[in-house]
Amino acid sequence: MNVLGISCYYHDAAACLVHDGEIVAAAEEERFTRKKHDNRFPRRAIDYCLTAGGITARQIDIVCFYEKPLLKLERILETGSRRPEESAELVSRQLAQTLHERLFIPDVLREVIGYRGRVVYTDHHLAHAASAYYPSGFSEAAILTVDGVGEKATTAQFSGRNGRITKLREIEYPHSLGLLYSTLTAFLGFKVNNDEYKVMGLASYGTVRHADKIRKLITVIPDGSFRLNLDYFSFMSDPNRMYADAMIELLGPPRLPGDSISGYHKDLAASLQAVVQETMVHLAGSLYDQCGRVENLCLAGGVGLNCVANSQLQKHTPFKRIFIQPAAGDGGCALGAALYASHALQCLPQEQRRHSSLYGPEYSNDEIRNFLQSRGAEFTVYDEDGICAATAKLIAENQIIGWFQGRMEFGPRALGNRSILANPRNPEMQDILNRRVKFREDFRPFAPAVPAERAAEYFEVIGESPFMLFTTTVVPAREREIPAVTHVDHTARVQTVSKADNPRFYHLIEHVDRLTGVPVVVNTSFNIRGEPIVCSMEDAYNCFLKTDIDYLVMGNCLVEKEF
């Protein structure tokens, strides 16, 4: 059975094709349109998935949409009835979007891709839960989903057992941990649904001085749930501002975009991060008891991308194993919708296998060579070992590498296939990458990639971190060896690389180790500020030309920049 999952119309539109429970392909629409967080109907992502699966739209058996439009419509109307005058503009805008875009999915599918078959819908948070549980490989697991808002739920707790997902409890809008974080993101002068990770990075530069003020915004209840103090928020009624005047009275004047970042802003970010971490630990701890103390936790939803909070779950909850969906945001709901429909309709067993994030487009060496020749590029072709050895030598010499290999990653992290790589031993490399390559804020850190079996030599890791979704402390004696990936608070967002999961990336790091004695590389996403991660050969080549990336490695081809 071919099941197509789609998510769209809010942010991060995506598509996923599943055949008899196996993930065939998945990709975000933004990678093809080059519009960051593109929320439109994912036509190009669907086209890619069908091509990767070798099928046409007529061979799709079921399409599953990632939320229930009528349930969301009910929430919008309920919100409007509570504050009819204040929320009129917001409700009108949301109603128009919901009625036009979500209620006519079968019509859109028929008109855009020619699909006339069955369309089903799943709860938004159930799609999140499925996206984490089914790929986790756990037969039994507690499942926690936390984001801004789905239809009504903002947080949900589930139990997964033998391939079946059961909802235990949910917290409904407007009480939302994700919206709390987004509101403070806006208050600190950053862009909502885009820059929350900047606030997380900024928090490391601050001190937790204002946690008591942040706790006035949210109350954590002994059963692990929480409620927002709605006097401080205006997102329920104002489409242009998420925080109320009461928050300004409590926290002072908001930072405007482009203003300098003060010590107070850093401390506020640190205090927000601390309170969110506390709340996540309470939520997970209560779920542990509800699920009969099962030792596995699955996590999804946008808040699941907060790698600092994830590390607190490792340290301060009883769970022994935690799986976080690498596409934890709404894009990942396309995968969850497809997997849930496939398992629910076919009664498939839960598979115990390692999950990958490599579900995007790939290009053969012949295609790459033909492309580079068509662009008149100067390049050298190597064999499998030679390309890794040559690239490692350049990294050791402080050259910055655009690394374009195999299938594109699904989700916001580049994990060694659409990456920019550099030397972690160079203390100036963080500044060089931020200023000359990524064109982004100077406080933003970079992640280290390390062979899984060598990680404990450099990082105080707890288990594997293949998707770069946990932070950990750098071993103090190693900080001087890898200054470019050691954050100001002595931590790093580690990616552990296994030979089985990504053999070429693993061999590259082995070659770096032979040359430098350090089995670590800087790994950041292959893009610049404001653009999606590169998808195609042309995307990679264009990014290479317009930045200070020194060399481009595409497949077995090493491309030199002409000066």
Protein backbone atom coordinates (compact mmCIF):
# COMPACT_ATOMS: atom_id res chain seq x y z
CA MET A 1 0.00 0.00 0.00
CA ASN A 2 1.29 3.47 -0.95
CA VAL A 3 0.42 6.17 1.57
CA LEU A 4 1.23 9.84 0.99
CA GLY A 5 1.42 12.09 4.03
CA ILE A 6 1.27 15.86 3.62
CA SER A 7 1.57 18.87 5.89
CA CYS A 8 1.04 22.45 4.73
CA TYR A 9 -0.67 25.82 5.10
CA TYR A 10 0.85 26.82 8.44
CA HIS A 11 4.62 26.53 8.10
CA ASP A 12 7.17 23.98 6.89
CA ALA A 13 5.06 22.22 4.28
CA ALA A 14 6.31 18.72 3.47
CA ALA A 15 5.42 15.39 1.87
CA CYS A 16 6.30 11.80 2.69
CA LEU A 17 5.70 8.54 0.82
CA VAL A 18 5.40 5.29 2.76
CA HIS A 19 5.06 1.87 1.10
CA ASP A 20 3.80 -0.98 3.35
CA GLY A 21 5.17 0.82 6.41
CA GLU A 22 8.58 1.59 4.87
CA ILE A 23 9.60 5.23 4.42
CA VAL A 24 10.42 5.71 0.74
CA ALA A 25 10.98 9.46 0.56
CA ALA A 26 10.33 12.65 2.51
CA ALA A 27 11.21 16.29 1.93
CA GLU A 28 10.19 19.81 2.86
CA GLU A 29 8.75 22.05 0.15
CA GLU A 30 11.19 24.86 1.01
CA ARG A 31 14.12 22.84 -0.34
CA PHE A 32 12.66 22.94 -3.85
CA THR A 33 11.10 26.41 -3.90
CA ARG A 34 14.02 28.03 -2.01
CA LYS A 35 11.51 29.91 0.16
CA LYS A 36 12.38 29.31 3.81
CA HIS A 37 9.55 27.72 5.83
CA ASP A 38 7.39 27.58 2.70
CA ASN A 39 3.87 26.70 3.87
CA ARG A 40 2.17 26.29 0.51
CA PHE A 41 0.73 23.05 -0.82
CA PRO A 42 3.85 20.85 -1.23
CA ARG A 43 3.51 20.14 -4.94
CA ARG A 44 7.23 19.86 -5.63
CA ALA A 45 7.88 17.74 -2.54
CA ILE A 46 5.07 15.41 -3.62
CA ASP A 47 6.50 15.22 -7.14
CA TYR A 48 9.86 14.24 -5.68
CA CYS A 49 8.32 11.56 -3.43
CA LEU A 50 6.41 10.00 -6.33
CA THR A 51 9.51 10.02 -8.52
CA ALA A 52 11.62 8.45 -5.75
CA GLY A 53 8.98 5.76 -5.31
CA GLY A 54 8.64 5.12 -9.04
CA ILE A 55 4.88 5.67 -8.95
CA THR A 56 2.28 8.11 -10.25
CA ALA A 57 -0.50 9.84 -8.34
CA ARG A 58 -2.94 7.15 -9.51
CA GLN A 59 -0.90 4.53 -7.67
CA ILE A 60 -1.31 6.28 -4.31
CA ASP A 61 -3.78 4.28 -2.23
CA ILE A 62 -4.41 6.87 0.51
CA VAL A 63 -3.44 10.45 1.26
CA CYS A 64 -3.31 11.42 4.94
CA PHE A 65 -3.43 15.10 5.95
CA TYR A 66 -1.60 16.05 9.13
CA GLU A 67 -4.48 17.63 11.04
CA LYS A 68 -8.26 17.78 11.27
CA PRO A 69 -9.49 21.05 9.74
CA LEU A 70 -12.94 20.99 11.33
CA LEU A 71 -11.45 20.57 14.79
CA LYS A 72 -9.17 23.54 14.17
CA LEU A 73 -12.14 25.52 12.89
CA GLU A 74 -13.94 24.76 16.14
CA ARG A 75 -11.00 26.12 18.15
CA ILE A 76 -10.89 29.32 16.09
CA LEU A 77 -14.61 29.91 16.62
CA GLU A 78 -14.29 29.22 20.36
CA THR A 79 -11.46 31.75 20.59
CA GLY A 80 -13.53 34.33 18.76
CA SER A 81 -16.56 33.79 20.99
CA ARG A 82 -14.50 34.52 24.12
CA ARG A 83 -13.14 37.84 22.80
CA PRO A 84 -15.44 38.81 19.91
CA GLU A 85 -14.33 42.42 19.55
CA GLU A 86 -10.64 42.03 20.33
CA SER A 87 -10.11 38.96 18.17
CA ALA A 88 -12.25 39.82 15.15
CA GLU A 89 -9.32 40.51 12.80
CA LEU A 90 -7.36 37.45 13.91
CA VAL A 91 -10.35 35.11 13.71
CA SER A 92 -11.33 36.45 10.28
CA ARG A 93 -7.83 35.80 8.95
CA GLN A 94 -7.66 32.28 10.41
CA LEU A 95 -11.14 31.37 9.21
CA ALA A 96 -10.35 32.42 5.66
CA GLN A 97 -7.20 30.34 5.64
CA THR A 98 -8.84 27.29 7.22
CA LEU A 99 -11.94 27.33 5.04
CA HIS A 100 -10.11 27.93 1.78
CA GLU A 101 -7.00 25.82 2.21
CA ARG A 102 -7.72 23.02 4.65
CA LEU A 103 -11.32 22.07 3.97
CA PHE A 104 -10.75 21.47 0.27
CA ILE A 105 -7.71 19.19 0.36
CA PRO A 106 -9.37 16.55 -1.90
CA ASP A 107 -10.08 19.25 -4.49
CA VAL A 108 -6.52 20.57 -4.33
CA LEU A 109 -5.10 17.06 -4.71
CA ARG A 110 -7.30 16.41 -7.73
CA GLU A 111 -6.46 19.71 -9.41
CA VAL A 112 -2.72 19.84 -8.65
CA ILE A 113 -1.53 16.22 -8.93
CA GLY A 114 -4.52 14.42 -10.41
CA TYR A 115 -5.26 12.29 -7.33
CA ARG A 116 -8.90 11.21 -6.96
CA GLY A 117 -8.62 8.58 -4.25
CA ARG A 118 -9.29 8.40 -0.55
CA VAL A 119 -8.22 11.25 1.77
CA VAL A 120 -8.04 10.75 5.53
CA TYR A 121 -7.10 13.10 8.36
CA THR A 122 -5.22 12.58 11.60
CA ASP A 123 -4.92 14.71 14.73
CA HIS A 124 -1.94 17.05 14.54
CA HIS A 125 -0.38 15.78 17.75
CA LEU A 126 -1.08 12.17 16.80
CA ALA A 127 0.90 12.84 13.60
CA HIS A 128 3.74 14.18 15.76
CA ALA A 129 3.50 11.11 18.01
CA ALA A 130 3.54 8.68 15.08
CA SER A 131 6.52 10.47 13.53
CA ALA A 132 8.55 9.72 16.65
CA TYR A 133 7.19 6.35 17.81
CA TYR A 134 7.23 4.32 14.61
CA PRO A 135 10.80 5.25 13.57
CA SER A 136 12.10 4.85 17.15
CA GLY A 137 12.29 1.07 17.02
CA PHE A 138 10.83 0.89 20.53
CA SER A 139 8.04 -1.66 21.00
CA GLU A 140 6.95 0.11 24.19
CA ALA A 141 7.44 3.83 24.79
CA ALA A 142 6.08 6.92 26.42
CA ILE A 143 5.42 9.59 23.78
CA LEU A 144 5.47 13.34 24.45
CA THR A 145 4.56 15.97 21.84
CA VAL A 146 5.00 19.69 22.55
CA ASP A 147 4.56 22.58 20.11
CA GLY A 148 2.74 25.88 19.64
CA VAL A 149 -0.71 24.56 18.78
CA GLY A 150 -2.29 21.93 16.57
CA GLU A 151 -6.07 21.90 16.27
CA LYS A 152 -6.75 22.46 19.97
CA ALA A 153 -3.92 20.62 21.70
CA THR A 154 -0.57 22.24 22.38
CA THR A 155 0.89 19.33 24.34
CA ALA A 156 -0.04 15.66 24.37
CA GLN A 157 1.05 12.53 26.18
CA PHE A 158 0.68 9.08 24.62
CA SER A 159 1.57 5.47 25.22
CA GLY A 160 2.98 3.37 22.41
CA ARG A 161 2.72 -0.41 22.69
CA ASN A 162 3.22 -3.04 20.02
CA GLY A 163 2.53 -0.63 17.19
CA ARG A 164 -0.56 1.00 18.75
CA ILE A 165 -0.61 4.60 20.00
CA THR A 166 -3.01 5.56 22.81
CA LYS A 167 -3.61 9.15 23.90
CA LEU A 168 -3.39 9.63 27.67
CA ARG A 169 -3.75 13.37 28.20
CA GLU A 170 -3.49 16.68 26.38
CA ILE A 171 -3.20 20.36 27.22
CA GLU A 172 -5.26 22.71 25.08
CA TYR A 173 -4.78 26.16 23.59
CA PRO A 174 -4.06 28.85 24.70
CA HIS A 175 -1.89 27.13 27.31
CA SER A 176 1.19 26.37 25.28
CA LEU A 177 4.87 25.94 26.07
CA GLY A 178 5.70 26.55 22.42
CA LEU A 179 3.74 29.81 22.35
CA LEU A 180 5.43 30.90 25.59
CA TYR A 181 8.80 30.43 23.91
CA SER A 182 7.63 32.13 20.71
CA THR A 183 6.21 35.08 22.62
CA LEU A 184 9.53 35.68 24.35
CA THR A 185 11.26 35.18 21.02
CA ALA A 186 9.20 38.09 19.67
CA PHE A 187 9.80 40.10 22.86
CA LEU A 188 13.54 39.69 22.38
CA GLY A 189 13.31 41.08 18.84
CA PHE A 190 13.54 37.83 16.87
CA LYS A 191 11.21 36.31 14.30
CA VAL A 192 8.53 33.90 15.52
CA ASN A 193 8.49 30.38 14.01
CA ASN A 194 11.98 30.99 12.70
CA ASP A 195 14.37 32.29 15.36
CA GLU A 196 13.49 30.33 18.50
CA TYR A 197 16.79 28.47 18.14
CA LYS A 198 18.60 31.83 18.28
CA VAL A 199 17.06 32.47 21.70
CA MET A 200 18.26 29.03 22.79
CA GLY A 201 21.79 29.88 21.63
CA LEU A 202 21.65 33.33 23.22
CA ALA A 203 20.61 31.80 26.55
CA SER A 204 24.08 30.30 26.97
CA TYR A 205 25.54 33.81 27.21
CA GLY A 206 23.24 34.84 30.05
CA THR A 207 22.66 34.11 33.71
CA VAL A 208 19.38 32.83 35.13
CA ARG A 209 18.52 36.03 37.00
CA HIS A 210 14.86 36.48 36.03
CA ALA A 211 13.34 33.02 36.44
CA ASP A 212 10.89 34.36 39.04
CA LYS A 213 9.55 36.83 36.48
CA ILE A 214 9.22 34.12 33.83
CA ARG A 215 7.40 31.91 36.36
CA LYS A 216 4.75 34.62 36.63
CA LEU A 217 3.92 33.78 33.02
CA ILE A 218 3.42 30.04 33.57
CA THR A 219 2.26 27.83 36.42
CA VAL A 220 3.43 24.23 36.57
CA ILE A 221 0.83 22.02 38.25
CA PRO A 222 1.90 19.10 40.47
CA ASP A 223 0.49 16.56 37.98
CA GLY A 224 3.06 17.77 35.41
CA SER A 225 0.70 19.93 33.36
CA PHE A 226 0.87 23.72 33.16
CA ARG A 227 -1.15 26.86 32.50
CA LEU A 228 -0.15 30.24 31.11
CA ASN A 229 -1.10 33.43 32.89
CA LEU A 230 -3.07 34.87 30.00
CA ASP A 231 -2.92 38.43 31.36
CA TYR A 232 0.57 38.65 29.89
CA PHE A 233 -0.25 37.39 26.38
CA SER A 234 -2.16 38.83 23.42
CA PHE A 235 -1.69 36.13 20.76
CA MET A 236 -5.31 35.02 21.28
CA SER A 237 -6.63 38.30 19.88
CA ASP A 238 -3.87 40.38 18.27
CA PRO A 239 -2.45 39.17 14.94
CA ASN A 240 0.42 41.65 15.18
CA ARG A 241 1.76 41.23 18.72
CA MET A 242 1.99 38.16 20.94
CA TYR A 243 2.71 39.86 24.29
CA ALA A 244 0.38 42.12 26.25
CA ASP A 245 1.18 45.42 27.95
CA ALA A 246 1.38 43.52 31.23
CA MET A 247 4.46 41.68 29.97
CA ILE A 248 6.14 44.98 29.14
CA GLU A 249 5.36 46.19 32.67
CA LEU A 250 6.87 42.99 34.05
CA LEU A 251 9.94 42.63 31.84
CA GLY A 252 10.61 46.16 30.60
CA PRO A 253 10.65 47.46 27.03
CA PRO A 254 10.92 44.79 24.32
CA ARG A 255 13.99 44.69 22.10
CA LEU A 256 13.34 45.85 18.56
CA PRO A 257 14.73 43.83 15.62
CA GLY A 258 18.20 45.07 14.78
CA ASP A 259 18.82 46.64 18.19
CA SER A 260 21.96 45.67 20.08
CA ILE A 261 21.67 42.70 22.43
CA SER A 262 22.26 43.67 26.06
CA GLY A 263 23.21 41.63 29.07
CA TYR A 264 19.59 41.87 30.20
CA HIS A 265 18.41 40.27 26.96
CA LYS A 266 20.88 37.43 27.43
CA ASP A 267 19.76 36.91 31.03
CA LEU A 268 16.11 36.94 29.99
CA ALA A 269 16.81 34.27 27.35
CA ALA A 270 18.67 32.18 29.94
CA SER A 271 15.79 32.50 32.41
CA LEU A 272 13.21 31.52 29.79
CA GLN A 273 15.29 28.51 28.80
CA ALA A 274 15.59 27.41 32.44
CA VAL A 275 11.84 27.59 33.07
CA VAL A 276 11.00 25.76 29.84
CA GLN A 277 13.47 23.02 30.80
CA GLU A 278 11.87 22.67 34.23
CA THR A 279 8.44 22.37 32.63
CA MET A 280 9.59 19.76 30.13
CA VAL A 281 11.12 17.67 32.93
CA HIS A 282 7.81 17.83 34.87
CA LEU A 283 5.84 16.81 31.77
CA ALA A 284 8.11 13.88 31.00
CA GLY A 285 8.28 12.78 34.63
CA SER A 286 4.50 12.62 34.93
CA LEU A 287 4.32 10.65 31.68
CA TYR A 288 6.82 8.12 33.01
CA ASP A 289 4.43 7.27 35.83
CA GLN A 290 1.35 7.20 33.58
CA CYS A 291 3.00 4.73 31.20
CA GLY A 292 3.85 2.22 33.90
CA ARG A 293 7.49 3.34 34.12
CA VAL A 294 8.46 2.22 30.66
CA GLU A 295 12.10 3.17 30.05
CA ASN A 296 11.77 4.58 26.51
CA LEU A 297 10.67 8.11 25.62
CA CYS A 298 9.76 9.42 22.15
CA LEU A 299 9.62 13.17 21.64
CA ALA A 300 8.31 15.34 18.78
CA GLY A 301 6.80 18.76 18.16
CA GLY A 302 8.67 22.00 17.61
CA VAL A 303 9.82 22.20 21.22
CA GLY A 304 11.54 18.85 20.64
CA LEU A 305 14.16 20.75 18.62
CA ASN A 306 15.32 22.51 21.79
CA CYS A 307 18.45 20.42 22.28
CA VAL A 308 19.36 22.06 25.60
CA ALA A 309 16.00 21.08 27.10
CA ASN A 310 16.36 17.60 25.61
CA SER A 311 19.59 17.14 27.51
CA GLN A 312 17.81 17.99 30.75
CA LEU A 313 15.36 15.18 30.02
CA GLN A 314 18.34 12.84 29.77
CA LYS A 315 19.72 14.01 33.11
CA HIS A 316 16.62 14.57 35.20
CA THR A 317 14.01 12.00 34.15
CA PRO A 318 14.00 8.23 34.74
CA PHE A 319 13.95 7.38 31.03
CA LYS A 320 16.98 5.36 29.92
CA ARG A 321 16.53 5.84 26.17
CA ILE A 322 15.17 8.91 24.37
CA PHE A 323 14.35 9.07 20.67
CA ILE A 324 13.65 12.50 19.18
CA GLN A 325 12.28 12.82 15.68
CA PRO A 326 14.94 14.71 13.66
CA ALA A 327 12.13 16.43 11.74
CA ALA A 328 10.36 17.25 15.00
CA GLY A 329 8.48 20.29 13.69
CA ASP A 330 5.42 20.46 11.47
CA GLY A 331 7.32 19.20 8.44
CA GLY A 332 7.78 15.92 10.26
CA CYS A 333 4.00 15.61 10.59
CA ALA A 334 3.89 14.59 6.92
CA LEU A 335 5.99 11.58 7.87
CA GLY A 336 3.87 10.94 10.96
CA ALA A 337 0.62 11.16 9.00
CA ALA A 338 1.85 8.67 6.41
CA LEU A 339 3.19 6.25 9.02
CA TYR A 340 0.08 6.44 11.20
CA ALA A 341 -2.28 5.82 8.29
CA SER A 342 -0.11 2.97 7.03
CA HIS A 343 0.09 1.24 10.42
CA ALA A 344 -3.53 1.88 11.39
CA LEU A 345 -5.00 0.63 8.12
CA GLN A 346 -2.65 -2.32 7.59
CA CYS A 347 -2.21 -3.33 11.24
CA LEU A 348 1.56 -3.46 10.74
CA PRO A 349 3.84 -4.56 13.59
CA GLN A 350 6.31 -2.15 15.11
CA GLU A 351 9.70 -2.59 13.44
CA GLN A 352 12.80 -2.57 15.64
CA ARG A 353 15.34 -0.88 13.42
CA ARG A 354 17.58 2.18 13.28
CA HIS A 355 15.97 5.32 11.90
CA SER A 356 17.55 7.48 9.23
CA SER A 357 16.86 11.06 8.22
CA LEU A 358 18.23 10.59 4.69
CA TYR A 359 15.03 10.55 2.62
CA GLY A 360 15.65 13.39 0.18
CA PRO A 361 16.97 13.66 -3.40
CA GLU A 362 20.36 12.28 -4.41
CA TYR A 363 22.54 12.54 -7.51
CA SER A 364 24.88 10.04 -9.13
CA ASN A 365 28.54 10.80 -9.82
CA ASP A 366 27.76 10.86 -13.54
CA GLU A 367 25.04 13.46 -12.99
CA ILE A 368 27.40 15.52 -10.86
CA ARG A 369 30.21 15.41 -13.43
CA ASN A 370 27.85 16.38 -16.24
CA PHE A 371 26.50 19.27 -14.20
CA LEU A 372 29.95 20.61 -13.29
CA GLN A 373 31.09 20.36 -16.91
CA SER A 374 28.02 22.29 -18.04
CA ARG A 375 28.99 25.07 -15.63
CA GLY A 376 32.60 25.14 -16.77
CA ALA A 377 33.86 24.28 -13.30
CA GLU A 378 37.41 23.16 -12.53
CA PHE A 379 37.24 19.87 -10.64
CA THR A 380 39.15 16.69 -9.86
CA VAL A 381 37.56 13.23 -9.69
CA TYR A 382 38.70 10.83 -6.94
CA ASP A 383 37.83 7.30 -5.88
CA GLU A 384 35.95 6.56 -2.65
CA ASP A 385 38.95 6.72 -0.32
CA GLY A 386 40.68 9.47 -2.25
CA ILE A 387 37.85 11.99 -1.95
CA CYS A 388 37.80 11.56 1.84
CA ALA A 389 41.59 11.83 2.10
CA ALA A 390 41.76 14.94 -0.08
CA THR A 391 38.92 16.64 1.79
CA ALA A 392 40.41 15.80 5.18
CA LYS A 393 43.72 17.39 4.13
CA LEU A 394 41.94 20.60 3.18
CA ILE A 395 40.03 20.69 6.47
CA ALA A 396 43.30 20.21 8.38
CA GLU A 397 44.67 23.19 6.44
CA ASN A 398 41.75 25.37 7.64
CA GLN A 399 39.90 25.33 4.32
CA ILE A 400 36.10 25.55 4.45
CA ILE A 401 34.31 22.75 2.60
CA GLY A 402 30.86 22.54 1.05
CA TRP A 403 30.02 18.82 1.41
CA PHE A 404 27.25 17.53 -0.90
CA GLN A 405 26.71 13.77 -0.70
CA GLY A 406 23.98 11.14 -1.11
CA ARG A 407 20.38 11.71 -0.07
CA MET A 408 19.37 15.01 1.47
CA GLU A 409 18.41 15.03 5.14
CA PHE A 410 14.75 15.40 6.17
CA GLY A 411 14.49 17.98 8.93
CA PRO A 412 16.30 21.17 9.93
CA ARG A 413 19.71 19.62 10.71
CA ALA A 414 22.43 18.91 8.17
CA LEU A 415 23.93 15.60 9.27
CA GLY A 416 26.78 15.07 6.84
CA ASN A 417 25.08 15.06 3.43
CA ARG A 418 24.27 18.76 2.90
CA SER A 419 26.90 20.23 5.22
CA ILE A 420 29.58 22.87 5.50
CA LEU A 421 32.64 21.34 7.18
CA ALA A 422 35.63 22.99 8.83
CA ASN A 423 38.50 22.56 11.29
CA PRO A 424 37.37 22.52 14.95
CA ARG A 425 40.93 23.12 16.16
CA ASN A 426 41.04 26.66 14.78
CA PRO A 427 39.93 29.13 17.51
CA GLU A 428 38.95 31.69 14.84
CA MET A 429 36.79 29.30 12.83
CA GLN A 430 33.49 30.14 14.56
CA ASP A 431 33.92 33.82 13.75
CA ILE A 432 35.07 33.06 10.20
CA LEU A 433 32.06 30.86 9.48
CA ASN A 434 29.52 33.23 11.02
CA ARG A 435 30.94 36.33 9.35
CA ARG A 436 32.23 35.18 5.97
CA VAL A 437 30.15 32.11 5.12
CA LYS A 438 26.85 31.95 7.02
CA PHE A 439 26.36 35.74 7.34
CA ARG A 440 24.67 35.38 10.72
CA GLU A 441 24.90 36.60 14.33
CA ASP A 442 28.28 36.21 16.03
CA PHE A 443 26.84 34.45 19.09
CA ARG A 444 25.65 31.45 17.09
CA PRO A 445 27.60 28.23 17.86
CA PHE A 446 28.60 25.37 15.58
CA ALA A 447 28.21 21.66 16.11
CA PRO A 448 30.89 18.95 16.23
CA ALA A 449 30.56 15.65 14.38
CA VAL A 450 32.47 12.75 15.90
CA PRO A 451 32.55 8.96 15.41
CA ALA A 452 30.09 7.44 17.87
CA GLU A 453 32.70 5.19 19.49
CA ARG A 454 35.08 8.13 20.03
CA ALA A 455 32.54 10.61 21.40
CA ALA A 456 33.22 9.90 25.08
CA GLU A 457 36.84 10.98 24.63
CA TYR A 458 35.72 14.54 23.92
CA PHE A 459 32.19 14.91 25.23
CA GLU A 460 30.35 13.84 28.35
CA VAL A 461 27.75 12.09 26.22
CA ILE A 462 24.81 10.02 27.37
CA GLY A 463 24.18 7.50 24.60
CA GLU A 464 24.23 8.30 20.89
CA SER A 465 23.22 11.62 19.35
CA PRO A 466 22.94 10.90 15.61
CA PHE A 467 20.55 13.77 14.87
CA MET A 468 22.35 16.58 16.69
CA LEU A 469 19.48 17.00 19.18
CA PHE A 470 21.30 16.95 22.51
CA THR A 471 23.89 19.21 24.07
CA THR A 472 26.56 17.94 26.39
CA THR A 473 29.59 19.24 28.25
CA VAL A 474 32.93 19.19 26.48
CA VAL A 475 35.52 17.21 28.44
CA PRO A 476 37.53 20.03 30.10
CA ALA A 477 40.90 18.66 29.02
CA ARG A 478 39.70 18.67 25.39
CA GLU A 479 38.35 22.23 25.16
CA ARG A 480 41.63 23.62 23.83
CA GLU A 481 41.68 20.99 21.09
CA ILE A 482 38.26 21.90 19.68
CA PRO A 483 37.62 25.60 20.43
CA ALA A 484 35.51 26.16 17.29
CA VAL A 485 32.78 23.83 18.58
CA THR A 486 33.01 24.58 22.31
CA HIS A 487 30.22 26.98 23.23
CA VAL A 488 30.64 29.80 25.74
CA ASP A 489 29.07 27.62 28.47
CA HIS A 490 31.53 24.75 27.75
CA THR A 491 28.91 22.66 25.95
CA ALA A 492 28.47 21.39 22.40
CA ARG A 493 25.53 20.18 20.30
CA VAL A 494 27.09 16.86 19.33
CA GLN A 495 26.42 14.67 16.32
CA THR A 496 27.64 11.12 16.78
CA VAL A 497 28.37 9.47 13.42
CA SER A 498 28.22 5.71 12.90
CA LYS A 499 29.88 3.79 10.10
CA ALA A 500 26.63 1.94 9.40
CA ASP A 501 24.50 5.08 9.08
CA ASN A 502 26.79 7.31 7.01
CA PRO A 503 29.94 5.48 5.89
CA ARG A 504 31.42 8.25 3.71
CA PHE A 505 31.07 10.95 6.39
CA TYR A 506 32.48 8.52 8.95
CA HIS A 507 35.53 7.76 6.76
CA LEU A 508 36.12 11.46 6.20
CA ILE A 509 36.32 12.05 9.96
CA GLU A 510 38.68 9.06 10.25
CA HIS A 511 41.00 10.72 7.73
CA VAL A 512 40.84 14.00 9.65
CA ASP A 513 41.85 12.12 12.79
CA ARG A 514 44.86 10.53 11.03
CA LEU A 515 46.11 13.96 9.96
CA THR A 516 45.36 15.99 13.09
CA GLY A 517 44.95 13.52 15.95
CA VAL A 518 41.44 14.91 16.56
CA PRO A 519 38.44 12.84 15.29
CA VAL A 520 36.10 15.84 15.11
CA VAL A 521 34.91 18.20 12.36
CA VAL A 522 32.76 21.31 12.46
CA ASN A 523 29.43 20.46 10.85
CA THR A 524 26.92 23.17 9.97
CA SER A 525 24.13 23.28 7.42
CA PHE A 526 24.97 24.02 3.78
CA ASN A 527 23.13 27.33 3.41
CA ILE A 528 23.39 30.98 4.31
CA ARG A 529 21.22 33.01 6.63
CA GLY A 530 17.66 33.31 5.37
CA GLU A 531 17.90 30.46 2.86
CA PRO A 532 16.90 26.79 3.15
CA ILE A 533 19.57 24.11 3.18
CA VAL A 534 20.72 23.30 -0.35
CA CYS A 535 18.86 20.56 -2.15
CA SER A 536 20.07 20.32 -5.74
CA MET A 537 23.47 20.41 -7.40
CA GLU A 538 22.72 23.92 -8.63
CA ASP A 539 21.77 25.08 -5.12
CA ALA A 540 25.08 23.81 -3.77
CA TYR A 541 27.15 25.28 -6.60
CA ASN A 542 25.49 28.69 -6.33
CA CYS A 543 25.97 28.80 -2.54
CA PHE A 544 29.61 27.84 -3.04
CA LEU A 545 30.18 30.70 -5.50
CA LYS A 546 28.57 33.46 -3.43
CA THR A 547 30.23 32.67 -0.09
CA ASP A 548 33.75 32.24 1.22
CA ILE A 549 33.48 28.45 1.07
CA ASP A 550 36.90 27.42 -0.26
CA TYR A 551 36.14 24.07 -1.91
CA LEU A 552 33.03 22.18 -2.95
CA VAL A 553 32.91 18.39 -2.73
CA MET A 554 30.02 16.87 -4.68
CA GLY A 555 30.04 13.09 -4.75
CA ASN A 556 33.55 12.11 -5.85
CA CYS A 557 34.30 15.53 -7.40
CA LEU A 558 36.42 18.17 -5.69
CA VAL A 559 35.68 21.62 -7.10
CA GLU A 560 38.12 24.51 -6.79
CA LYS A 561 36.95 28.09 -6.75
CA GLU A 562 38.26 30.27 -9.53
CA PHE A 563 39.63 33.61 -8.40
